Protein backbone atom coordinates (compact mmCIF):
# COMPACT_ATOMS: atom_id res chain seq x y z
CA MET A 1 52.60 60.64 85.74
CA ALA A 2 54.44 63.66 86.45
CA GLU A 3 57.19 64.69 83.59
CA TYR A 4 60.97 64.63 85.71
CA LYS A 5 62.03 68.50 86.20
CA ALA A 6 65.96 68.50 85.57
CA THR A 7 68.16 70.74 87.37
CA ARG A 8 68.16 72.78 84.19
CA ASP A 9 65.33 74.45 84.90
CA LEU A 10 65.84 76.10 88.04
CA VAL A 11 68.63 77.76 85.38
CA GLY A 12 68.16 81.50 84.94
CA ILE A 13 64.39 81.44 86.52
CA GLN A 14 62.54 84.72 88.35
CA ILE A 15 59.52 83.62 89.59
CA THR A 16 58.48 87.71 89.79
CA THR A 17 59.93 90.61 90.17
CA SER A 18 58.01 91.68 93.26
CA LYS A 19 59.95 91.02 96.45
CA LEU A 20 56.85 89.93 99.06
CA ASN A 21 56.67 92.10 101.85
CA GLU A 22 53.58 93.08 103.88
CA LYS A 23 52.02 95.24 101.49
CA ASN A 24 51.87 93.36 98.03
CA PHE A 25 50.78 89.48 98.67
CA LEU A 26 48.10 89.74 95.99
CA LEU A 27 50.21 90.74 93.25
CA TRP A 28 53.49 88.31 94.96
CA GLU A 29 51.15 85.54 94.55
CA LYS A 30 49.50 86.11 91.27
CA SER A 31 53.40 86.13 89.58
CA VAL A 32 54.04 82.70 91.59
CA ARG A 33 50.74 80.99 91.02
CA ILE A 34 51.01 82.05 87.04
CA PHE A 35 55.18 80.91 87.45
CA LEU A 36 53.85 77.69 88.69
CA GLY A 37 51.11 76.97 86.55
CA ALA A 38 53.05 77.44 83.62
CA LYS A 39 55.04 75.08 85.16
CA SER A 40 52.75 72.43 85.89
CA GLU A 41 53.45 72.63 89.23
CA LEU A 42 50.80 74.96 90.98
CA LYS A 43 48.76 71.35 92.23
CA ILE A 44 51.39 71.40 95.06
CA VAL A 45 50.45 74.75 96.59
CA THR A 46 46.82 74.22 96.40
CA SER A 47 46.05 70.83 96.59
CA ALA A 48 46.66 68.25 99.39
CA LYS A 49 49.06 65.90 99.82
CA PRO A 50 47.38 62.46 97.35
CA ALA A 51 47.20 59.38 99.62
CA SER A 52 46.80 56.88 96.88
CA THR A 53 49.51 55.11 96.34
CA GLU A 54 53.17 55.34 97.34
CA LYS A 55 54.55 55.95 93.92
CA ALA A 56 51.56 59.03 93.80
CA SER A 57 53.17 60.40 96.85
CA GLU A 58 56.53 60.17 95.95
CA GLU A 59 55.66 62.02 92.80
CA TRP A 60 53.85 64.86 94.98
CA LYS A 61 57.01 64.16 97.53
CA ARG A 62 59.60 65.46 94.32
CA ASP A 63 57.58 68.21 93.12
CA ASN A 64 56.99 69.84 95.93
CA TYR A 65 60.75 69.72 96.68
CA LEU A 66 61.71 71.26 93.44
CA VAL A 67 58.86 74.06 94.27
CA MET A 68 60.10 74.48 97.55
CA THR A 69 63.86 74.58 95.65
CA TRP A 70 62.38 77.36 93.29
CA LEU A 71 61.12 79.27 95.92
CA TRP A 72 64.32 79.27 98.14
CA ILE A 73 66.36 80.02 95.39
CA MET A 74 64.87 83.35 94.60
CA GLU A 75 64.75 84.64 97.91
CA PHE A 76 68.57 83.57 97.98
CA TRP A 77 69.15 85.73 94.81
CA GLU A 78 66.95 89.11 95.77
CA ALA A 79 68.81 88.44 99.31
CA ILE A 80 72.21 88.21 97.07
CA ARG A 81 70.72 91.34 94.84
CA ASP A 82 70.21 93.63 97.90
CA THR A 83 73.07 92.96 99.54
CA TYR A 84 76.03 93.55 96.48
CA SER A 85 73.93 95.73 93.95
CA ILE A 86 75.48 99.07 93.42
CA ARG A 87 73.02 101.80 94.85
């Protein structure tokens, strides 16, 4: 059974210091893979959704939403930093 990830797991996370752009996909991908692997969530982006049981499917969906949230938060904070940081 997948371990439940609390909202507190999201506080202060920084998945990568590289902002994804047209020139750095390989570096960005490696950083994201390391982060997700450390959180035991790499399977979400490397595997298909399980079809075995409803429970397994629901756990996969929950973990998928968590990973999507991490990625969204990363983009959100980068946008805020870029908008409001003093240059």
